[in-house]
Amino acid sequence: MKLKIEFSGGLELLFGNQKEYAVDVPCSEQQLTVGKLLPWTRDQLLKDRPELFMKGDSVRPGILVLINDCDWELSGTLDAELQEGDKVLFISTLHGG
């Protein structure tokens, strides 16, 4: 399934300083969900410090997830179903000081 994945708020530093990815995520006959996309993103795109991106099966607290510019909490969080061409944006709200 072809998706656009973006990272912002400093998360791009964990992904090789690349903010945008056009990806083709393999999926079986079942629907691709954010819960399935997260480990794929960690395993395929993440370059450094996975503990700063994921905690358990979800993103770390302080990371906003938007699906087509809509908060994933309105779409079912980990169970949110993705469609061909969707944009998934990860934004870190945590900043050092």
Protein backbone atom coordinates (compact mmCIF):
# COMPACT_ATOMS: atom_id res chain seq x y z
CA MET A 1 0.00 0.00 0.00
CA LYS A 2 1.46 3.35 -1.04
CA LEU A 3 1.57 5.92 1.76
CA LYS A 4 3.30 9.17 2.53
CA ILE A 5 5.00 9.24 5.93
CA GLU A 6 6.31 12.48 7.41
CA PHE A 7 8.27 13.32 10.56
CA SER A 8 8.43 16.70 12.28
CA GLY A 9 9.32 18.40 15.56
CA GLY A 10 12.74 16.77 15.72
CA LEU A 11 11.64 13.20 14.93
CA GLU A 12 13.23 13.53 11.50
CA LEU A 13 16.62 13.36 13.27
CA LEU A 14 15.88 9.73 14.16
CA PHE A 15 15.03 8.98 10.53
CA GLY A 16 18.25 10.08 8.86
CA ASN A 17 17.28 13.78 8.74
CA GLN A 18 14.65 12.95 6.16
CA LYS A 19 11.25 14.53 6.79
CA GLU A 20 9.22 12.80 4.07
CA TYR A 21 9.04 9.27 2.76
CA ALA A 22 6.92 7.86 -0.05
CA VAL A 23 6.64 4.20 0.92
CA ASP A 24 5.00 1.03 -0.31
CA VAL A 25 4.06 -0.97 2.78
CA PRO A 26 3.38 -4.65 2.19
CA CYS A 27 0.10 -5.78 3.66
CA SER A 28 -1.80 -9.02 3.57
CA GLU A 29 -5.46 -9.36 2.71
CA GLN A 30 -6.30 -7.68 6.01
CA GLN A 31 -6.56 -3.91 6.23
CA LEU A 32 -3.38 -1.99 7.07
CA THR A 33 -3.75 -0.21 10.42
CA VAL A 34 -1.55 2.29 12.21
CA GLY A 35 -0.79 -0.48 14.70
CA LYS A 36 0.77 -2.51 11.88
CA LEU A 37 2.45 0.52 10.31
CA LEU A 38 4.36 1.50 13.46
CA PRO A 39 6.63 -1.57 13.73
CA TRP A 40 7.16 -1.52 9.96
CA THR A 41 8.23 2.13 10.17
CA ARG A 42 10.55 1.37 13.09
CA ASP A 43 12.13 -1.61 11.33
CA GLN A 44 12.39 -0.12 7.82
CA LEU A 45 12.92 3.63 8.23
CA LEU A 46 14.26 4.36 11.73
CA LYS A 47 18.01 4.96 11.83
CA ASP A 48 18.65 5.73 15.50
CA ARG A 49 17.25 5.28 19.03
CA PRO A 50 14.01 3.33 18.61
CA GLU A 51 13.13 4.00 22.26
CA LEU A 52 12.54 7.65 21.36
CA PHE A 53 9.94 6.71 18.73
CA MET A 54 8.02 3.78 20.20
CA LYS A 55 7.10 2.54 23.65
CA GLY A 56 5.61 -0.94 23.61
CA ASP A 57 3.24 -1.24 20.64
CA SER A 58 2.54 2.48 20.26
CA VAL A 59 4.37 5.76 19.82
CA ARG A 60 5.97 7.33 22.86
CA PRO A 61 3.95 9.85 24.85
CA GLY A 62 4.49 13.29 23.37
CA ILE A 63 4.29 12.17 19.75
CA LEU A 64 1.22 13.30 17.86
CA VAL A 65 0.00 11.14 14.99
CA LEU A 66 -2.07 12.70 12.22
CA ILE A 67 -3.73 10.75 9.43
CA ASN A 68 -4.51 13.05 6.52
CA ASP A 69 -4.16 16.02 8.91
CA CYS A 70 -6.66 14.53 11.39
CA ASP A 71 -5.71 13.41 14.91
CA TRP A 72 -5.48 9.61 14.98
CA GLU A 73 -7.47 9.55 18.21
CA LEU A 74 -10.53 10.50 16.15
CA SER A 75 -9.87 7.54 13.84
CA GLY A 76 -9.25 4.77 16.37
CA THR A 77 -5.55 5.22 17.28
CA LEU A 78 -3.76 1.89 16.66
CA ASP A 79 -6.86 0.44 14.99
CA ALA A 80 -7.18 3.34 12.53
CA GLU A 81 -7.42 1.85 9.04
CA LEU A 82 -5.21 3.31 6.34
CA GLN A 83 -6.11 3.71 2.69
CA GLU A 84 -3.95 3.89 -0.43
CA GLY A 85 -2.42 7.38 -0.70
CA ASP A 86 -2.95 8.38 2.94
CA LYS A 87 -0.48 10.71 4.66
CA VAL A 88 0.66 9.78 8.16
CA LEU A 89 2.46 12.54 10.04
CA PHE A 90 4.38 12.02 13.29
CA ILE A 91 5.12 15.19 15.28
CA SER A 92 7.21 15.28 18.44
CA THR A 93 5.98 17.75 21.02
CA LEU A 94 8.97 17.10 23.29
CA HIS A 95 11.89 19.48 23.03
CA GLY A 96 15.03 19.77 25.10
CA GLY A 97 15.77 22.99 26.87
